[in-house]
PDB file of N, CA and C in Angstrom:
ATOM      1  N   MET A   1      -6.746  -6.298 -15.285  1.00  0.00           N
ATOM      2  CA  MET A   1      -6.651  -4.981 -14.671  1.00  0.00           C
ATOM      3  C   MET A   1      -7.271  -5.040 -13.275  1.00  0.00           C
ATOM      4  N   TRP A   2      -6.554  -4.549 -12.307  1.00  0.00           N
ATOM      5  CA  TRP A   2      -6.992  -4.546 -10.919  1.00  0.00           C
ATOM      6  C   TRP A   2      -7.594  -3.195 -10.563  1.00  0.00           C
ATOM      7  N   ARG A   3      -8.507  -3.209  -9.629  1.00  0.00           N
ATOM      8  CA  ARG A   3      -9.117  -1.972  -9.146  1.00  0.00           C
ATOM      9  C   ARG A   3      -8.490  -1.630  -7.794  1.00  0.00           C
ATOM     10  N   ILE A   4      -8.148  -0.362  -7.594  1.00  0.00           N
ATOM     11  CA  ILE A   4      -7.567   0.097  -6.336  1.00  0.00           C
ATOM     12  C   ILE A   4      -8.652   0.841  -5.563  1.00  0.00           C
ATOM     13  N   GLU A   5      -8.883   0.417  -4.351  1.00  0.00           N
ATOM     14  CA  GLU A   5      -9.864   1.071  -3.483  1.00  0.00           C
ATOM     15  C   GLU A   5      -9.120   1.571  -2.252  1.00  0.00           C
ATOM     16  N   GLU A   6      -9.189   2.866  -1.997  1.00  0.00           N
ATOM     17  CA  GLU A   6      -8.495   3.447  -0.853  1.00  0.00           C
ATOM     18  C   GLU A   6      -9.465   3.674   0.297  1.00  0.00           C
ATOM     19  N   HIS A   7      -9.036   3.325   1.485  1.00  0.00           N
ATOM     20  CA  HIS A   7      -9.820   3.601   2.684  1.00  0.00           C
ATOM     21  C   HIS A   7     -10.005   5.107   2.801  1.00  0.00           C
ATOM     22  N   ARG A   8     -11.086   5.545   3.363  1.00  0.00           N
ATOM     23  CA  ARG A   8     -11.376   6.985   3.437  1.00  0.00           C
ATOM     24  C   ARG A   8     -10.323   7.769   4.213  1.00  0.00           C
ATOM     25  N   ASN A   9      -9.579   7.108   5.087  1.00  0.00           N
ATOM     26  CA  ASN A   9      -8.542   7.793   5.860  1.00  0.00           C
ATOM     27  C   ASN A   9      -7.243   7.996   5.083  1.00  0.00           C
ATOM     28  N   VAL A  10      -7.048   7.262   3.994  1.00  0.00           N
ATOM     29  CA  VAL A  10      -5.789   7.361   3.249  1.00  0.00           C
ATOM     30  C   VAL A  10      -5.592   8.767   2.703  1.00  0.00           C
ATOM     31  N   ASP A  11      -6.602   9.339   2.094  1.00  0.00           N
ATOM     32  CA  ASP A  11      -6.483  10.687   1.545  1.00  0.00           C
ATOM     33  C   ASP A  11      -6.176  11.690   2.650  1.00  0.00           C
ATOM     34  N   ARG A  12      -6.833  11.530   3.771  1.00  0.00           N
ATOM     35  CA  ARG A  12      -6.604  12.413   4.919  1.00  0.00           C
ATOM     36  C   ARG A  12      -5.168  12.271   5.436  1.00  0.00           C
ATOM     37  N   GLU A  13      -4.683  11.031   5.521  1.00  0.00           N
ATOM     38  CA  GLU A  13      -3.317  10.794   5.985  1.00  0.00           C
ATOM     39  C   GLU A  13      -2.294  11.427   5.037  1.00  0.00           C
ATOM     40  N   LEU A  14      -2.540  11.299   3.739  1.00  0.00           N
ATOM     41  CA  LEU A  14      -1.583  11.813   2.766  1.00  0.00           C
ATOM     42  C   LEU A  14      -1.542  13.334   2.730  1.00  0.00           C
ATOM     43  N   SER A  15      -2.658  13.983   2.994  1.00  0.00           N
ATOM     44  CA  SER A  15      -2.680  15.438   2.905  1.00  0.00           C
ATOM     45  C   SER A  15      -2.365  16.126   4.235  1.00  0.00           C
ATOM     46  N   SER A  16      -2.725  15.551   5.353  1.00  0.00           N
ATOM     47  CA  SER A  16      -2.579  16.244   6.634  1.00  0.00           C
ATOM     48  C   SER A  16      -1.241  16.004   7.319  1.00  0.00           C
ATOM     49  N   ARG A  17      -0.538  14.967   6.977  1.00  0.00           N
ATOM     50  CA  ARG A  17       0.705  14.635   7.673  1.00  0.00           C
ATOM     51  C   ARG A  17       1.935  15.271   7.042  1.00  0.00           C
ATOM     52  N   ARG A  18       1.739  16.097   6.075  1.00  0.00           N
ATOM     53  CA  ARG A  18       2.874  16.700   5.371  1.00  0.00           C
ATOM     54  C   ARG A  18       3.806  15.613   4.824  1.00  0.00           C
ATOM     55  N   VAL A  19       3.207  14.718   4.081  1.00  0.00           N
ATOM     56  CA  VAL A  19       3.943  13.617   3.472  1.00  0.00           C
ATOM     57  C   VAL A  19       4.897  14.189   2.426  1.00  0.00           C
ATOM     58  N   PRO A  20       6.161  13.771   2.419  1.00  0.00           N
ATOM     59  CA  PRO A  20       7.115  14.275   1.421  1.00  0.00           C
ATOM     60  C   PRO A  20       6.643  13.998  -0.006  1.00  0.00           C
ATOM     61  N   LEU A  21       6.963  14.905  -0.908  1.00  0.00           N
ATOM     62  CA  LEU A  21       6.575  14.778  -2.310  1.00  0.00           C
ATOM     63  C   LEU A  21       7.092  13.475  -2.919  1.00  0.00           C
ATOM     64  N   GLU A  22       8.295  13.063  -2.537  1.00  0.00           N
ATOM     65  CA  GLU A  22       8.872  11.813  -3.030  1.00  0.00           C
ATOM     66  C   GLU A  22       7.965  10.625  -2.700  1.00  0.00           C
ATOM     67  N   ILE A  23       7.402  10.618  -1.510  1.00  0.00           N
ATOM     68  CA  ILE A  23       6.523   9.523  -1.085  1.00  0.00           C
ATOM     69  C   ILE A  23       5.223   9.549  -1.882  1.00  0.00           C
ATOM     70  N   LEU A  24       4.676  10.727  -2.105  1.00  0.00           N
ATOM     71  CA  LEU A  24       3.448  10.832  -2.901  1.00  0.00           C
ATOM     72  C   LEU A  24       3.670  10.304  -4.314  1.00  0.00           C
ATOM     73  N   LYS A  25       4.818  10.625  -4.904  1.00  0.00           N
ATOM     74  CA  LYS A  25       5.131  10.143  -6.256  1.00  0.00           C
ATOM     75  C   LYS A  25       5.309   8.628  -6.258  1.00  0.00           C
ATOM     76  N   ARG A  26       6.016   8.095  -5.251  1.00  0.00           N
ATOM     77  CA  ARG A  26       6.212   6.645  -5.175  1.00  0.00           C
ATOM     78  C   ARG A  26       4.880   5.929  -4.966  1.00  0.00           C
ATOM     79  N   TYR A  27       3.978   6.525  -4.178  1.00  0.00           N
ATOM     80  CA  TYR A  27       2.665   5.920  -3.951  1.00  0.00           C
ATOM     81  C   TYR A  27       1.858   5.886  -5.256  1.00  0.00           C
ATOM     82  N   GLU A  28       1.921   6.957  -6.037  1.00  0.00           N
ATOM     83  CA  GLU A  28       1.217   6.980  -7.329  1.00  0.00           C
ATOM     84  C   GLU A  28       1.780   5.903  -8.256  1.00  0.00           C
ATOM     85  N   LYS A  29       3.092   5.740  -8.274  1.00  0.00           N
ATOM     86  CA  LYS A  29       3.719   4.694  -9.090  1.00  0.00           C
ATOM     87  C   LYS A  29       3.307   3.317  -8.580  1.00  0.00           C
ATOM     88  N   TRP A  30       3.248   3.149  -7.249  1.00  0.00           N
ATOM     89  CA  TRP A  30       2.808   1.888  -6.650  1.00  0.00           C
ATOM     90  C   TRP A  30       1.391   1.561  -7.115  1.00  0.00           C
ATOM     91  N   LYS A  31       0.515   2.575  -7.104  1.00  0.00           N
ATOM     92  CA  LYS A  31      -0.871   2.352  -7.538  1.00  0.00           C
ATOM     93  C   LYS A  31      -0.933   1.965  -9.010  1.00  0.00           C
ATOM     94  N   ASP A  32      -0.112   2.601  -9.855  1.00  0.00           N
ATOM     95  CA  ASP A  32      -0.083   2.248 -11.278  1.00  0.00           C
ATOM     96  C   ASP A  32       0.300   0.782 -11.472  1.00  0.00           C
ATOM     97  N   ILE A  33       1.338   0.351 -10.778  1.00  0.00           N
ATOM     98  CA  ILE A  33       1.804  -1.038 -10.898  1.00  0.00           C
ATOM     99  C   ILE A  33       0.748  -1.996 -10.357  1.00  0.00           C
ATOM    100  N   ALA A  34       0.152  -1.658  -9.216  1.00  0.00           N
ATOM    101  CA  ALA A  34      -0.885  -2.516  -8.631  1.00  0.00           C
ATOM    102  C   ALA A  34      -2.092  -2.622  -9.560  1.00  0.00           C
ATOM    103  N   MET A  35      -2.449  -1.533 -10.221  1.00  0.00           N
ATOM    104  CA  MET A  35      -3.596  -1.544 -11.117  1.00  0.00           C
ATOM    105  C   MET A  35      -3.339  -2.425 -12.342  1.00  0.00           C
ATOM    106  N   LEU A  36      -2.134  -2.333 -12.877  1.00  0.00           N
ATOM    107  CA  LEU A  36      -1.813  -3.091 -14.085  1.00  0.00           C
ATOM    108  C   LEU A  36      -1.497  -4.552 -13.813  1.00  0.00           C
ATOM    109  N   SER A  37      -0.712  -4.832 -12.767  1.00  0.00           N
ATOM    110  CA  SER A  37      -0.202  -6.184 -12.547  1.00  0.00           C
ATOM    111  C   SER A  37      -0.697  -6.857 -11.279  1.00  0.00           C
ATOM    112  N   GLY A  38      -1.343  -6.107 -10.405  1.00  0.00           N
ATOM    113  CA  GLY A  38      -1.826  -6.679  -9.158  1.00  0.00           C
ATOM    114  C   GLY A  38      -0.688  -7.021  -8.207  1.00  0.00           C
ATOM    115  N   PRO A  39      -0.966  -7.834  -7.211  1.00  0.00           N
ATOM    116  CA  PRO A  39       0.036  -8.194  -6.205  1.00  0.00           C
ATOM    117  C   PRO A  39       1.271  -8.884  -6.792  1.00  0.00           C
ATOM    118  N   GLN A  40       1.099  -9.633  -7.880  1.00  0.00           N
ATOM    119  CA  GLN A  40       2.249 -10.308  -8.487  1.00  0.00           C
ATOM    120  C   GLN A  40       3.245  -9.287  -9.024  1.00  0.00           C
ATOM    121  N   GLY A  41       2.763  -8.205  -9.605  1.00  0.00           N
ATOM    122  CA  GLY A  41       3.641  -7.156 -10.109  1.00  0.00           C
ATOM    123  C   GLY A  41       4.377  -6.447  -8.986  1.00  0.00           C
ATOM    124  N   LEU A  42       3.701  -6.253  -7.859  1.00  0.00           N
ATOM    125  CA  LEU A  42       4.340  -5.609  -6.711  1.00  0.00           C
ATOM    126  C   LEU A  42       5.435  -6.486  -6.126  1.00  0.00           C
ATOM    127  N   ARG A  43       5.177  -7.790  -6.067  1.00  0.00           N
ATOM    128  CA  ARG A  43       6.181  -8.712  -5.530  1.00  0.00           C
ATOM    129  C   ARG A  43       7.380  -8.827  -6.465  1.00  0.00           C
ATOM    130  N   ALA A  44       7.177  -8.610  -7.763  1.00  0.00           N
ATOM    131  CA  ALA A  44       8.260  -8.739  -8.736  1.00  0.00           C
ATOM    132  C   ALA A  44       9.265  -7.594  -8.632  1.00  0.00           C
ATOM    133  N   ILE A  45       8.859  -6.458  -8.111  1.00  0.00           N
ATOM    134  CA  ILE A  45       9.759  -5.313  -7.982  1.00  0.00           C
ATOM    135  C   ILE A  45      10.405  -5.373  -6.604  1.00  0.00           C
ATOM    136  N   ARG A  46      11.680  -5.668  -6.577  1.00  0.00           N
ATOM    137  CA  ARG A  46      12.390  -5.906  -5.321  1.00  0.00           C
ATOM    138  C   ARG A  46      12.401  -4.689  -4.407  1.00  0.00           C
ATOM    139  N   GLY A  47      12.397  -3.496  -4.971  1.00  0.00           N
ATOM    140  CA  GLY A  47      12.461  -2.278  -4.172  1.00  0.00           C
ATOM    141  C   GLY A  47      11.267  -2.091  -3.250  1.00  0.00           C
ATOM    142  N   PHE A  48      10.121  -2.638  -3.617  1.00  0.00           N
ATOM    143  CA  PHE A  48       8.936  -2.520  -2.773  1.00  0.00           C
ATOM    144  C   PHE A  48       8.986  -3.470  -1.582  1.00  0.00           C
ATOM    145  N   ARG A  49       9.768  -4.524  -1.691  1.00  0.00           N
ATOM    146  CA  ARG A  49       9.875  -5.529  -0.616  1.00  0.00           C
ATOM    147  C   ARG A  49       8.496  -5.901  -0.066  1.00  0.00           C
ATOM    148  N   ASP A  50       7.642  -6.252  -0.983  1.00  0.00           N
ATOM    149  CA  ASP A  50       6.264  -6.601  -0.645  1.00  0.00           C
ATOM    150  C   ASP A  50       6.252  -7.872   0.194  1.00  0.00           C
ATOM    151  N   GLU A  51       5.502  -7.837   1.310  1.00  0.00           N
ATOM    152  CA  GLU A  51       5.482  -8.998   2.201  1.00  0.00           C
ATOM    153  C   GLU A  51       4.141  -9.114   2.917  1.00  0.00           C
ATOM    154  N   ALA A  52       3.833 -10.341   3.307  1.00  0.00           N
ATOM    155  CA  ALA A  52       2.632 -10.592   4.097  1.00  0.00           C
ATOM    156  C   ALA A  52       2.905 -10.178   5.535  1.00  0.00           C
ATOM    157  N   LEU A  53       1.902  -9.635   6.193  1.00  0.00           N
ATOM    158  CA  LEU A  53       2.030  -9.235   7.589  1.00  0.00           C
ATOM    159  C   LEU A  53       1.461 -10.325   8.481  1.00  0.00           C
ATOM    160  N   SER A  54       1.838 -10.300   9.744  1.00  0.00           N
ATOM    161  CA  SER A  54       1.343 -11.305  10.687  1.00  0.00           C
ATOM    162  C   SER A  54       0.812 -10.610  11.933  1.00  0.00           C
ATOM    163  N   GLY A  55       0.398 -11.389  12.894  1.00  0.00           N
ATOM    164  CA  GLY A  55      -0.149 -10.824  14.132  1.00  0.00           C
ATOM    165  C   GLY A  55      -1.516 -10.224  13.895  1.00  0.00           C
ATOM    166  N   GLU A  56      -1.756  -9.050  14.454  1.00  0.00           N
ATOM    167  CA  GLU A  56      -3.075  -8.432  14.291  1.00  0.00           C
ATOM    168  C   GLU A  56      -3.311  -7.934  12.871  1.00  0.00           C
ATOM    169  N   TRP A  57      -2.255  -7.882  12.048  1.00  0.00           N
ATOM    170  CA  TRP A  57      -2.379  -7.480  10.643  1.00  0.00           C
ATOM    171  C   TRP A  57      -2.408  -8.692   9.715  1.00  0.00           C
ATOM    172  N   GLU A  58      -2.633  -9.886  10.238  1.00  0.00           N
ATOM    173  CA  GLU A  58      -2.675 -11.077   9.391  1.00  0.00           C
ATOM    174  C   GLU A  58      -3.763 -10.920   8.330  1.00  0.00           C
ATOM    175  N   GLY A  59      -3.434 -11.301   7.101  1.00  0.00           N
ATOM    176  CA  GLY A  59      -4.363 -11.154   5.986  1.00  0.00           C
ATOM    177  C   GLY A  59      -4.097  -9.883   5.181  1.00  0.00           C
ATOM    178  N   TYR A  60      -3.175  -9.063   5.641  1.00  0.00           N
ATOM    179  CA  TYR A  60      -2.803  -7.829   4.949  1.00  0.00           C
ATOM    180  C   TYR A  60      -1.385  -7.972   4.425  1.00  0.00           C
ATOM    181  N   ARG A  61      -0.994  -7.073   3.528  1.00  0.00           N
ATOM    182  CA  ARG A  61       0.346  -7.048   2.969  1.00  0.00           C
ATOM    183  C   ARG A  61       0.929  -5.654   3.136  1.00  0.00           C
ATOM    184  N   SER A  62       2.238  -5.553   3.038  1.00  0.00           N
ATOM    185  CA  SER A  62       2.934  -4.285   3.174  1.00  0.00           C
ATOM    186  C   SER A  62       3.936  -4.133   2.037  1.00  0.00           C
ATOM    187  N   SER A  63       4.020  -2.929   1.462  1.00  0.00           N
ATOM    188  CA  SER A  63       5.030  -2.597   0.457  1.00  0.00           C
ATOM    189  C   SER A  63       5.775  -1.362   0.925  1.00  0.00           C
ATOM    190  N   ARG A  64       7.083  -1.341   0.724  1.00  0.00           N
ATOM    191  CA  ARG A  64       7.888  -0.181   1.104  1.00  0.00           C
ATOM    192  C   ARG A  64       7.826   0.886   0.013  1.00  0.00           C
ATOM    193  N   LEU A  65       7.647   2.122   0.440  1.00  0.00           N
ATOM    194  CA  LEU A  65       7.787   3.244  -0.480  1.00  0.00           C
ATOM    195  C   LEU A  65       9.194   3.822  -0.348  1.00  0.00           C
ATOM    196  N   ASN A  66       9.766   3.721   0.834  1.00  0.00           N
ATOM    197  CA  ASN A  66      11.180   4.014   1.101  1.00  0.00           C
ATOM    198  C   ASN A  66      11.528   3.330   2.419  1.00  0.00           C
ATOM    199  N   GLU A  67      12.635   3.689   3.041  1.00  0.00           N
ATOM    200  CA  GLU A  67      13.034   3.029   4.288  1.00  0.00           C
ATOM    201  C   GLU A  67      11.999   3.191   5.393  1.00  0.00           C
ATOM    202  N   GLN A  68      11.300   4.317   5.409  1.00  0.00           N
ATOM    203  CA  GLN A  68      10.373   4.604   6.496  1.00  0.00           C
ATOM    204  C   GLN A  68       8.910   4.370   6.127  1.00  0.00           C
ATOM    205  N   TRP A  69       8.481   4.767   4.959  1.00  0.00           N
ATOM    206  CA  TRP A  69       7.060   4.765   4.595  1.00  0.00           C
ATOM    207  C   TRP A  69       6.613   3.446   3.982  1.00  0.00           C
ATOM    208  N   ARG A  70       5.399   2.994   4.367  1.00  0.00           N
ATOM    209  CA  ARG A  70       4.821   1.739   3.891  1.00  0.00           C
ATOM    210  C   ARG A  70       3.390   1.949   3.396  1.00  0.00           C
ATOM    211  N   VAL A  71       2.980   1.086   2.499  1.00  0.00           N
ATOM    212  CA  VAL A  71       1.577   0.976   2.102  1.00  0.00           C
ATOM    213  C   VAL A  71       1.087  -0.330   2.681  1.00  0.00           C
ATOM    214  N   ILE A  72       0.015  -0.281   3.437  1.00  0.00           N
ATOM    215  CA  ILE A  72      -0.602  -1.499   3.978  1.00  0.00           C
ATOM    216  C   ILE A  72      -1.882  -1.721   3.191  1.00  0.00           C
ATOM    217  N   TYR A  73      -2.011  -2.919   2.634  1.00  0.00           N
ATOM    218  CA  TYR A  73      -3.161  -3.199   1.773  1.00  0.00           C
ATOM    219  C   TYR A  73      -3.631  -4.632   1.941  1.00  0.00           C
ATOM    220  N   GLN A  74      -4.807  -4.875   1.390  1.00  0.00           N
ATOM    221  CA  GLN A  74      -5.429  -6.195   1.440  1.00  0.00           C
ATOM    222  C   GLN A  74      -5.856  -6.558   0.025  1.00  0.00           C
ATOM    223  N   VAL A  75      -5.673  -7.804  -0.351  1.00  0.00           N
ATOM    224  CA  VAL A  75      -6.071  -8.270  -1.672  1.00  0.00           C
ATOM    225  C   VAL A  75      -7.396  -9.008  -1.551  1.00  0.00           C
ATOM    226  N   VAL A  76      -8.364  -8.589  -2.336  1.00  0.00           N
ATOM    227  CA  VAL A  76      -9.654  -9.270  -2.402  1.00  0.00           C
ATOM    228  C   VAL A  76      -9.681  -9.963  -3.761  1.00  0.00           C
ATOM    229  N   ALA A  77      -9.299 -11.237  -3.777  1.00  0.00           N
ATOM    230  CA  ALA A  77      -9.053 -11.958  -5.024  1.00  0.00           C
ATOM    231  C   ALA A  77     -10.298 -12.152  -5.868  1.00  0.00           C
ATOM    232  N   ASP A  78     -11.413 -12.461  -5.253  1.00  0.00           N
ATOM    233  CA  ASP A  78     -12.604 -12.749  -6.050  1.00  0.00           C
ATOM    234  C   ASP A  78     -13.155 -11.500  -6.734  1.00  0.00           C
ATOM    235  N   ALA A  79     -12.759 -10.315  -6.290  1.00  0.00           N
ATOM    236  CA  ALA A  79     -13.229  -9.079  -6.915  1.00  0.00           C
ATOM    237  C   ALA A  79     -12.115  -8.394  -7.705  1.00  0.00           C
ATOM    238  N   VAL A  80     -10.948  -9.014  -7.803  1.00  0.00           N
ATOM    239  CA  VAL A  80      -9.780  -8.421  -8.447  1.00  0.00           C
ATOM    240  C   VAL A  80      -9.594  -7.005  -7.909  1.00  0.00           C
ATOM    241  N   LEU A  81      -9.435  -6.919  -6.601  1.00  0.00           N
ATOM    242  CA  LEU A  81      -9.421  -5.646  -5.894  1.00  0.00           C
ATOM    243  C   LEU A  81      -8.238  -5.577  -4.950  1.00  0.00           C
ATOM    244  N   VAL A  82      -7.554  -4.448  -4.953  1.00  0.00           N
ATOM    245  CA  VAL A  82      -6.513  -4.154  -3.968  1.00  0.00           C
ATOM    246  C   VAL A  82      -7.066  -3.046  -3.093  1.00  0.00           C
ATOM    247  N   ARG A  83      -7.254  -3.316  -1.808  1.00  0.00           N
ATOM    248  CA  ARG A  83      -7.837  -2.347  -0.880  1.00  0.00           C
ATOM    249  C   ARG A  83      -6.724  -1.755  -0.023  1.00  0.00           C
ATOM    250  N   VAL A  84      -6.382  -0.483  -0.260  1.00  0.00           N
ATOM    251  CA  VAL A  84      -5.327   0.190   0.503  1.00  0.00           C
ATOM    252  C   VAL A  84      -5.923   0.642   1.826  1.00  0.00           C
ATOM    253  N   ILE A  85      -5.320   0.211   2.918  1.00  0.00           N
ATOM    254  CA  ILE A  85      -5.802   0.524   4.253  1.00  0.00           C
ATOM    255  C   ILE A  85      -5.087   1.743   4.812  1.00  0.00           C
ATOM    256  N   ARG A  86      -3.768   1.782   4.682  1.00  0.00           N
ATOM    257  CA  ARG A  86      -2.997   2.898   5.233  1.00  0.00           C
ATOM    258  C   ARG A  86      -1.758   3.159   4.403  1.00  0.00           C
ATOM    259  N   VAL A  87      -1.321   4.405   4.416  1.00  0.00           N
ATOM    260  CA  VAL A  87       0.010   4.782   3.968  1.00  0.00           C
ATOM    261  C   VAL A  87       0.621   5.408   5.206  1.00  0.00           C
ATOM    262  N   THR A  88       1.610   4.754   5.778  1.00  0.00           N
ATOM    263  CA  THR A  88       2.077   5.138   7.095  1.00  0.00           C
ATOM    264  C   THR A  88       3.597   5.202   7.169  1.00  0.00           C
ATOM    265  N   ALA A  89       4.055   6.013   8.099  1.00  0.00           N
ATOM    266  CA  ALA A  89       5.487   6.129   8.353  1.00  0.00           C
ATOM    267  C   ALA A  89       5.918   5.021   9.307  1.00  0.00           C
ATOM    268  N   HIS A  90       5.765   3.785   8.847  1.00  0.00           N
ATOM    269  CA  HIS A  90       6.166   2.570   9.574  1.00  0.00           C
ATOM    270  C   HIS A  90       5.578   2.505  10.976  1.00  0.00           C
ATOM    271  N   ASP A  91       4.287   2.704  11.067  1.00  0.00           N
ATOM    272  CA  ASP A  91       3.562   2.616  12.324  1.00  0.00           C
ATOM    273  C   ASP A  91       2.460   1.580  12.121  1.00  0.00           C
ATOM    274  N   TYR A  92       2.678   0.368  12.591  1.00  0.00           N
ATOM    275  CA  TYR A  92       1.745  -0.714  12.328  1.00  0.00           C
ATOM    276  C   TYR A  92       0.668  -0.871  13.394  1.00  0.00           C
ATOM    277  N   ARG A  93       0.593   0.066  14.326  1.00  0.00           N
ATOM    278  CA  ARG A  93      -0.471  -0.044  15.323  1.00  0.00           C
ATOM    279  C   ARG A  93      -1.811   0.173  14.632  1.00  0.00           C
ATOM    280  N   ARG A  94      -2.767  -0.647  14.968  1.00  0.00           N
ATOM    281  CA  ARG A  94      -4.092  -0.490  14.364  1.00  0.00           C
ATOM    282  C   ARG A  94      -4.833   0.632  15.060  1.00  0.00           C
ATOM    283  N   SER A  95      -5.555   1.392  14.277  1.00  0.00           N
ATOM    284  CA  SER A  95      -6.339   2.484  14.878  1.00  0.00           C
ATOM    285  C   SER A  95      -7.800   2.336  14.561  1.00  0.00           C
TER     286      SER A  95
END
């Protein structure tokens, strides 16, 4: 069983940006799968198109919630932890 840790800005992003209900539901399902199966479970579901990021986001991964929205996260293997950094409308600029 994996532990999901959300950055303090994730809750703010999800509530203040008027995120569509469909995205909120997909994010909850993403968290369920990540908690039960970890990164391997996310990679097994083709719809998420889970992939490693490069450039200034090297060391992080991205999963699609739909064509526009992504979850950016980091895997901390020694702690069996998935650290969600952002849920974003495909904006990879670091803030």
